[in-house]
């Protein structure tokens, strides 16, 4: 499958491993930081931003407090 927004890149040697250079516009579009998650889906390599543990918890706690859902059950 060929996509119109596909960008070609070469696989390069990096020490004992190999890597792919990701162009800056793609890094910015996906907001990729210094760490990513890699997975294989069928015949595709999927690269996505690494999710930090507890990411978004602060906002969830604030919403719970607004609704009064942040009280202990055994008071």
PDB file of N, CA and C in Angstrom:
ATOM      1  N   UNK A   1       0.851  -1.174   0.000  1.00  0.00           N
ATOM      2  CA  UNK A   1       0.000   0.000   0.000  1.00  0.00           C
ATOM      3  C   UNK A   1       0.896   1.236   0.000  1.00  0.00           C
ATOM      4  N   UNK A   2       0.699   2.124  -0.926  1.00  0.00           N
ATOM      5  CA  UNK A   2       1.470   3.353  -1.027  1.00  0.00           C
ATOM      6  C   UNK A   2       0.603   4.507  -0.551  1.00  0.00           C
ATOM      7  N   UNK A   3       1.144   5.313   0.332  1.00  0.00           N
ATOM      8  CA  UNK A   3       0.396   6.458   0.844  1.00  0.00           C
ATOM      9  C   UNK A   3       0.990   7.724   0.257  1.00  0.00           C
ATOM     10  N   UNK A   4       0.141   8.700  -0.001  1.00  0.00           N
ATOM     11  CA  UNK A   4       0.602   9.944  -0.607  1.00  0.00           C
ATOM     12  C   UNK A   4       1.493  10.746   0.330  1.00  0.00           C
ATOM     13  N   UNK A   5       1.346  10.573   1.648  1.00  0.00           N
ATOM     14  CA  UNK A   5       2.158  11.339   2.588  1.00  0.00           C
ATOM     15  C   UNK A   5       3.376  10.552   3.066  1.00  0.00           C
ATOM     16  N   UNK A   6       3.689   9.442   2.397  1.00  0.00           N
ATOM     17  CA  UNK A   6       4.830   8.618   2.792  1.00  0.00           C
ATOM     18  C   UNK A   6       6.139   9.326   2.472  1.00  0.00           C
ATOM     19  N   UNK A   7       7.108   9.147   3.353  1.00  0.00           N
ATOM     20  CA  UNK A   7       8.439   9.717   3.178  1.00  0.00           C
ATOM     21  C   UNK A   7       9.428   8.556   3.210  1.00  0.00           C
ATOM     22  N   UNK A   8      10.329   8.505   2.255  1.00  0.00           N
ATOM     23  CA  UNK A   8      11.337   7.447   2.245  1.00  0.00           C
ATOM     24  C   UNK A   8      12.486   7.815   3.164  1.00  0.00           C
ATOM     25  N   UNK A   9      13.035   6.813   3.825  1.00  0.00           N
ATOM     26  CA  UNK A   9      14.187   7.000   4.691  1.00  0.00           C
ATOM     27  C   UNK A   9      15.032   5.741   4.586  1.00  0.00           C
ATOM     28  N   UNK A  10      16.300   5.857   4.880  1.00  0.00           N
ATOM     29  CA  UNK A  10      17.190   4.702   4.823  1.00  0.00           C
ATOM     30  C   UNK A  10      17.400   4.122   6.214  1.00  0.00           C
ATOM     31  N   UNK A  11      17.628   2.821   6.252  1.00  0.00           N
ATOM     32  CA  UNK A  11      18.019   2.160   7.489  1.00  0.00           C
ATOM     33  C   UNK A  11      19.533   2.315   7.580  1.00  0.00           C
ATOM     34  N   UNK A  12      20.006   2.868   8.696  1.00  0.00           N
ATOM     35  CA  UNK A  12      21.435   3.152   8.843  1.00  0.00           C
ATOM     36  C   UNK A  12      22.020   2.377  10.024  1.00  0.00           C
ATOM     37  N   UNK A  13      23.308   2.114   9.968  1.00  0.00           N
ATOM     38  CA  UNK A  13      24.003   1.416  11.046  1.00  0.00           C
ATOM     39  C   UNK A  13      24.233   2.390  12.195  1.00  0.00           C
ATOM     40  N   UNK A  14      23.918   1.949  13.403  1.00  0.00           N
ATOM     41  CA  UNK A  14      24.126   2.748  14.619  1.00  0.00           C
ATOM     42  C   UNK A  14      24.762   1.821  15.653  1.00  0.00           C
ATOM     43  N   UNK A  15      26.079   1.787  15.687  1.00  0.00           N
ATOM     44  CA  UNK A  15      26.758   0.854  16.582  1.00  0.00           C
ATOM     45  C   UNK A  15      26.501  -0.562  16.118  1.00  0.00           C
ATOM     46  N   UNK A  16      26.044  -1.421  17.033  1.00  0.00           N
ATOM     47  CA  UNK A  16      25.723  -2.802  16.677  1.00  0.00           C
ATOM     48  C   UNK A  16      24.283  -2.959  16.209  1.00  0.00           C
ATOM     49  N   UNK A  17      23.540  -1.867  16.185  1.00  0.00           N
ATOM     50  CA  UNK A  17      22.132  -1.902  15.789  1.00  0.00           C
ATOM     51  C   UNK A  17      21.952  -1.150  14.483  1.00  0.00           C
ATOM     52  N   UNK A  18      20.726  -1.013  14.094  1.00  0.00           N
ATOM     53  CA  UNK A  18      20.378  -0.195  12.940  1.00  0.00           C
ATOM     54  C   UNK A  18      19.248   0.723  13.340  1.00  0.00           C
ATOM     55  N   UNK A  19      19.106   1.832  12.636  1.00  0.00           N
ATOM     56  CA  UNK A  19      18.067   2.793  12.983  1.00  0.00           C
ATOM     57  C   UNK A  19      17.542   3.496  11.756  1.00  0.00           C
ATOM     58  N   UNK A  20      16.504   4.267  11.962  1.00  0.00           N
ATOM     59  CA  UNK A  20      15.869   5.045  10.905  1.00  0.00           C
ATOM     60  C   UNK A  20      15.851   6.496  11.353  1.00  0.00           C
ATOM     61  N   UNK A  21      16.255   7.390  10.492  1.00  0.00           N
ATOM     62  CA  UNK A  21      16.163   8.823  10.805  1.00  0.00           C
ATOM     63  C   UNK A  21      14.740   9.272  10.517  1.00  0.00           C
ATOM     64  N   UNK A  22      14.157   9.952  11.488  1.00  0.00           N
ATOM     65  CA  UNK A  22      12.792  10.456  11.326  1.00  0.00           C
ATOM     66  C   UNK A  22      12.888  11.952  11.034  1.00  0.00           C
ATOM     67  N   UNK A  23      12.358  12.387   9.888  1.00  0.00           N
ATOM     68  CA  UNK A  23      12.447  13.816   9.537  1.00  0.00           C
ATOM     69  C   UNK A  23      11.770  14.706  10.579  1.00  0.00           C
ATOM     70  N   UNK A  24      12.328  15.898  10.775  1.00  0.00           N
ATOM     71  CA  UNK A  24      11.851  16.849  11.774  1.00  0.00           C
ATOM     72  C   UNK A  24      10.355  17.152  11.658  1.00  0.00           C
ATOM     73  N   UNK A  25       9.795  17.379  10.445  1.00  0.00           N
ATOM     74  CA  UNK A  25       8.354  17.659  10.364  1.00  0.00           C
ATOM     75  C   UNK A  25       7.486  16.529  10.930  1.00  0.00           C
ATOM     76  N   UNK A  26       7.927  15.289  10.753  1.00  0.00           N
ATOM     77  CA  UNK A  26       7.160  14.164  11.297  1.00  0.00           C
ATOM     78  C   UNK A  26       7.288  14.131  12.815  1.00  0.00           C
ATOM     79  N   UNK A  27       8.495  14.377  13.325  1.00  0.00           N
ATOM     80  CA  UNK A  27       8.689  14.428  14.778  1.00  0.00           C
ATOM     81  C   UNK A  27       7.790  15.482  15.411  1.00  0.00           C
ATOM     82  N   UNK A  28       7.734  16.655  14.774  1.00  0.00           N
ATOM     83  CA  UNK A  28       6.909  17.741  15.309  1.00  0.00           C
ATOM     84  C   UNK A  28       5.423  17.421  15.203  1.00  0.00           C
ATOM     85  N   UNK A  29       5.011  16.847  14.078  1.00  0.00           N
ATOM     86  CA  UNK A  29       3.591  16.530  13.883  1.00  0.00           C
ATOM     87  C   UNK A  29       3.095  15.526  14.917  1.00  0.00           C
ATOM     88  N   UNK A  30       3.934  14.555  15.262  1.00  0.00           N
ATOM     89  CA  UNK A  30       3.533  13.514  16.210  1.00  0.00           C
ATOM     90  C   UNK A  30       3.928  13.818  17.646  1.00  0.00           C
ATOM     91  N   UNK A  31       4.632  14.929  17.856  1.00  0.00           N
ATOM     92  CA  UNK A  31       5.109  15.314  19.187  1.00  0.00           C
ATOM     93  C   UNK A  31       5.912  14.189  19.833  1.00  0.00           C
ATOM     94  N   UNK A  32       6.800  13.570  19.040  1.00  0.00           N
ATOM     95  CA  UNK A  32       7.638  12.503  19.567  1.00  0.00           C
ATOM     96  C   UNK A  32       8.755  13.100  20.402  1.00  0.00           C
ATOM     97  N   UNK A  33       8.963  12.548  21.575  1.00  0.00           N
ATOM     98  CA  UNK A  33      10.030  13.006  22.451  1.00  0.00           C
ATOM     99  C   UNK A  33      11.252  12.128  22.296  1.00  0.00           C
ATOM    100  N   UNK A  34      12.013  11.996  23.377  1.00  0.00           N
ATOM    101  CA  UNK A  34      13.235  11.207  23.344  1.00  0.00           C
ATOM    102  C   UNK A  34      12.988   9.717  23.479  1.00  0.00           C
ATOM    103  N   UNK A  35      11.795   9.317  23.870  1.00  0.00           N
ATOM    104  CA  UNK A  35      11.489   7.906  24.052  1.00  0.00           C
ATOM    105  C   UNK A  35      10.205   7.561  23.310  1.00  0.00           C
ATOM    106  N   UNK A  36      10.214   6.434  22.595  1.00  0.00           N
ATOM    107  CA  UNK A  36       9.043   5.989  21.849  1.00  0.00           C
ATOM    108  C   UNK A  36       8.779   4.524  22.144  1.00  0.00           C
ATOM    109  N   UNK A  37       7.578   4.072  21.803  1.00  0.00           N
ATOM    110  CA  UNK A  37       7.228   2.663  21.894  1.00  0.00           C
ATOM    111  C   UNK A  37       7.214   2.089  20.487  1.00  0.00           C
ATOM    112  N   UNK A  38       7.828   0.925  20.314  1.00  0.00           N
ATOM    113  CA  UNK A  38       7.857   0.242  19.026  1.00  0.00           C
ATOM    114  C   UNK A  38       7.035  -1.031  19.129  1.00  0.00           C
ATOM    115  N   UNK A  39       6.270  -1.314  18.087  1.00  0.00           N
ATOM    116  CA  UNK A  39       5.540  -2.569  18.027  1.00  0.00           C
ATOM    117  C   UNK A  39       5.406  -2.981  16.575  1.00  0.00           C
ATOM    118  N   UNK A  40       5.096  -4.238  16.362  1.00  0.00           N
ATOM    119  CA  UNK A  40       4.901  -4.768  15.017  1.00  0.00           C
ATOM    120  C   UNK A  40       3.430  -5.118  14.875  1.00  0.00           C
ATOM    121  N   UNK A  41       2.819  -4.618  13.815  1.00  0.00           N
ATOM    122  CA  UNK A  41       1.416  -4.896  13.520  1.00  0.00           C
ATOM    123  C   UNK A  41       1.369  -5.444  12.092  1.00  0.00           C
ATOM    124  N   UNK A  42       1.221  -6.757  11.988  1.00  0.00           N
ATOM    125  CA  UNK A  42       1.266  -7.385  10.670  1.00  0.00           C
ATOM    126  C   UNK A  42       2.665  -7.232  10.096  1.00  0.00           C
ATOM    127  N   UNK A  43       2.766  -6.579   8.943  1.00  0.00           N
ATOM    128  CA  UNK A  43       4.075  -6.336   8.330  1.00  0.00           C
ATOM    129  C   UNK A  43       4.519  -4.885   8.499  1.00  0.00           C
ATOM    130  N   UNK A  44       3.970  -4.194   9.497  1.00  0.00           N
ATOM    131  CA  UNK A  44       4.287  -2.784   9.714  1.00  0.00           C
ATOM    132  C   UNK A  44       4.979  -2.569  11.057  1.00  0.00           C
ATOM    133  N   UNK A  45       5.943  -1.663  11.060  1.00  0.00           N
ATOM    134  CA  UNK A  45       6.572  -1.216  12.294  1.00  0.00           C
ATOM    135  C   UNK A  45       5.815   0.018  12.762  1.00  0.00           C
ATOM    136  N   UNK A  46       5.312  -0.009  13.977  1.00  0.00           N
ATOM    137  CA  UNK A  46       4.543   1.111  14.521  1.00  0.00           C
ATOM    138  C   UNK A  46       5.405   1.817  15.566  1.00  0.00           C
ATOM    139  N   UNK A  47       5.580   3.115  15.388  1.00  0.00           N
ATOM    140  CA  UNK A  47       6.327   3.946  16.326  1.00  0.00           C
ATOM    141  C   UNK A  47       5.357   4.965  16.893  1.00  0.00           C
ATOM    142  N   UNK A  48       5.219   4.991  18.221  1.00  0.00           N
ATOM    143  CA  UNK A  48       4.299   5.958  18.826  1.00  0.00           C
ATOM    144  C   UNK A  48       4.942   6.567  20.061  1.00  0.00           C
ATOM    145  N   UNK A  49       4.442   7.736  20.477  1.00  0.00           N
ATOM    146  CA  UNK A  49       5.003   8.365  21.676  1.00  0.00           C
ATOM    147  C   UNK A  49       4.916   7.423  22.867  1.00  0.00           C
ATOM    148  N   UNK A  50       5.954   7.422  23.673  1.00  0.00           N
ATOM    149  CA  UNK A  50       5.961   6.601  24.876  1.00  0.00           C
ATOM    150  C   UNK A  50       5.009   7.212  25.886  1.00  0.00           C
ATOM    151  N   UNK A  51       4.157   6.404  26.446  1.00  0.00           N
ATOM    152  CA  UNK A  51       3.209   6.887  27.440  1.00  0.00           C
ATOM    153  C   UNK A  51       3.864   6.819  28.809  1.00  0.00           C
ATOM    154  N   UNK A  52       3.853   7.923  29.502  1.00  0.00           N
ATOM    155  CA  UNK A  52       4.409   7.957  30.842  1.00  0.00           C
ATOM    156  C   UNK A  52       3.410   7.322  31.809  1.00  0.00           C
ATOM    157  N   UNK A  53       3.910   6.539  32.769  1.00  0.00           N
ATOM    158  CA  UNK A  53       2.993   6.016  33.788  1.00  0.00           C
ATOM    159  C   UNK A  53       2.300   7.172  34.496  1.00  0.00           C
ATOM    160  N   UNK A  54       1.047   7.020  34.764  1.00  0.00           N
ATOM    161  CA  UNK A  54       0.223   8.024  35.452  1.00  0.00           C
ATOM    162  C   UNK A  54      -0.001   9.280  34.622  1.00  0.00           C
ATOM    163  N   UNK A  55       0.238   9.204  33.322  1.00  0.00           N
ATOM    164  CA  UNK A  55       0.001  10.355  32.454  1.00  0.00           C
ATOM    165  C   UNK A  55      -1.478  10.710  32.477  1.00  0.00           C
ATOM    166  N   UNK A  56      -1.800  11.965  32.733  1.00  0.00           N
ATOM    167  CA  UNK A  56      -3.183  12.416  32.756  1.00  0.00           C
ATOM    168  C   UNK A  56      -3.883  12.257  34.093  1.00  0.00           C
ATOM    169  N   UNK A  57      -3.199  11.686  35.079  1.00  0.00           N
ATOM    170  CA  UNK A  57      -3.836  11.476  36.383  1.00  0.00           C
ATOM    171  C   UNK A  57      -4.215  12.787  37.042  1.00  0.00           C
ATOM    172  N   UNK A  58      -3.365  13.788  36.917  1.00  0.00           N
ATOM    173  CA  UNK A  58      -3.632  15.082  37.561  1.00  0.00           C
ATOM    174  C   UNK A  58      -4.977  15.644  37.126  1.00  0.00           C
ATOM    175  N   UNK A  59      -5.216  15.620  35.808  1.00  0.00           N
ATOM    176  CA  UNK A  59      -6.487  16.140  35.278  1.00  0.00           C
ATOM    177  C   UNK A  59      -7.664  15.300  35.754  1.00  0.00           C
ATOM    178  N   UNK A  60      -7.474  13.990  35.808  1.00  0.00           N
ATOM    179  CA  UNK A  60      -8.548  13.115  36.283  1.00  0.00           C
ATOM    180  C   UNK A  60      -8.881  13.387  37.750  1.00  0.00           C
ATOM    181  N   UNK A  61      -7.864  13.592  38.565  1.00  0.00           N
ATOM    182  CA  UNK A  61      -8.095  13.896  39.987  1.00  0.00           C
ATOM    183  C   UNK A  61      -8.843  15.213  40.145  1.00  0.00           C
ATOM    184  N   UNK A  62      -8.503  16.198  39.334  1.00  0.00           N
ATOM    185  CA  UNK A  62      -9.199  17.485  39.400  1.00  0.00           C
ATOM    186  C   UNK A  62     -10.679  17.312  39.043  1.00  0.00           C
ATOM    187  N   UNK A  63     -10.969  16.532  38.013  1.00  0.00           N
ATOM    188  CA  UNK A  63     -12.369  16.289  37.625  1.00  0.00           C
ATOM    189  C   UNK A  63     -13.116  15.537  38.719  1.00  0.00           C
ATOM    190  N   UNK A  64     -12.441  14.560  39.337  1.00  0.00           N
ATOM    191  CA  UNK A  64     -13.078  13.819  40.432  1.00  0.00           C
ATOM    192  C   UNK A  64     -13.429  14.756  41.579  1.00  0.00           C
ATOM    193  N   UNK A  65     -12.515  15.662  41.921  1.00  0.00           N
ATOM    194  CA  UNK A  65     -12.757  16.603  43.021  1.00  0.00           C
ATOM    195  C   UNK A  65     -13.933  17.518  42.695  1.00  0.00           C
ATOM    196  N   UNK A  66     -14.032  17.959  41.436  1.00  0.00           N
ATOM    197  CA  UNK A  66     -15.153  18.814  41.024  1.00  0.00           C
ATOM    198  C   UNK A  66     -16.492  18.097  41.180  1.00  0.00           C
ATOM    199  N   UNK A  67     -16.513  16.797  40.936  1.00  0.00           N
ATOM    200  CA  UNK A  67     -17.752  16.013  41.047  1.00  0.00           C
ATOM    201  C   UNK A  67     -17.978  15.456  42.445  1.00  0.00           C
ATOM    202  N   UNK A  68     -16.995  15.632  43.331  1.00  0.00           N
ATOM    203  CA  UNK A  68     -17.124  15.074  44.680  1.00  0.00           C
ATOM    204  C   UNK A  68     -16.854  13.581  44.733  1.00  0.00           C
ATOM    205  N   UNK A  69     -16.185  13.050  43.723  1.00  0.00           N
ATOM    206  CA  UNK A  69     -15.879  11.615  43.662  1.00  0.00           C
ATOM    207  C   UNK A  69     -14.544  11.270  44.293  1.00  0.00           C
ATOM    208  N   UNK A  70     -13.958  12.175  45.053  1.00  0.00           N
ATOM    209  CA  UNK A  70     -12.627  11.927  45.605  1.00  0.00           C
ATOM    210  C   UNK A  70     -12.665  11.660  47.111  1.00  0.00           C
ATOM    211  N   UNK A  71     -13.795  11.214  47.610  1.00  0.00           N
ATOM    212  CA  UNK A  71     -13.931  10.929  49.039  1.00  0.00           C
ATOM    213  C   UNK A  71     -13.668   9.453  49.314  1.00  0.00           C
ATOM    214  N   UNK A  72     -13.143   9.162  50.517  1.00  0.00           N
ATOM    215  CA  UNK A  72     -12.910   7.780  50.917  1.00  0.00           C
ATOM    216  C   UNK A  72     -14.244   7.084  51.181  1.00  0.00           C
ATOM    217  N   UNK A  73     -14.332   5.829  50.864  1.00  0.00           N
ATOM    218  CA  UNK A  73     -15.574   5.056  51.046  1.00  0.00           C
ATOM    219  C   UNK A  73     -15.749   4.572  52.486  1.00  0.00           C
ATOM    220  N   UNK A  74     -14.660   4.451  53.218  1.00  0.00           N
ATOM    221  CA  UNK A  74     -14.762   3.864  54.566  1.00  0.00           C
ATOM    222  C   UNK A  74     -14.605   4.900  55.667  1.00  0.00           C
ATOM    223  N   UNK A  75     -15.065   6.111  55.432  1.00  0.00           N
ATOM    224  CA  UNK A  75     -14.966   7.156  56.461  1.00  0.00           C
ATOM    225  C   UNK A  75     -15.919   6.893  57.582  1.00  0.00           C
TER     226      UNK A  75
END
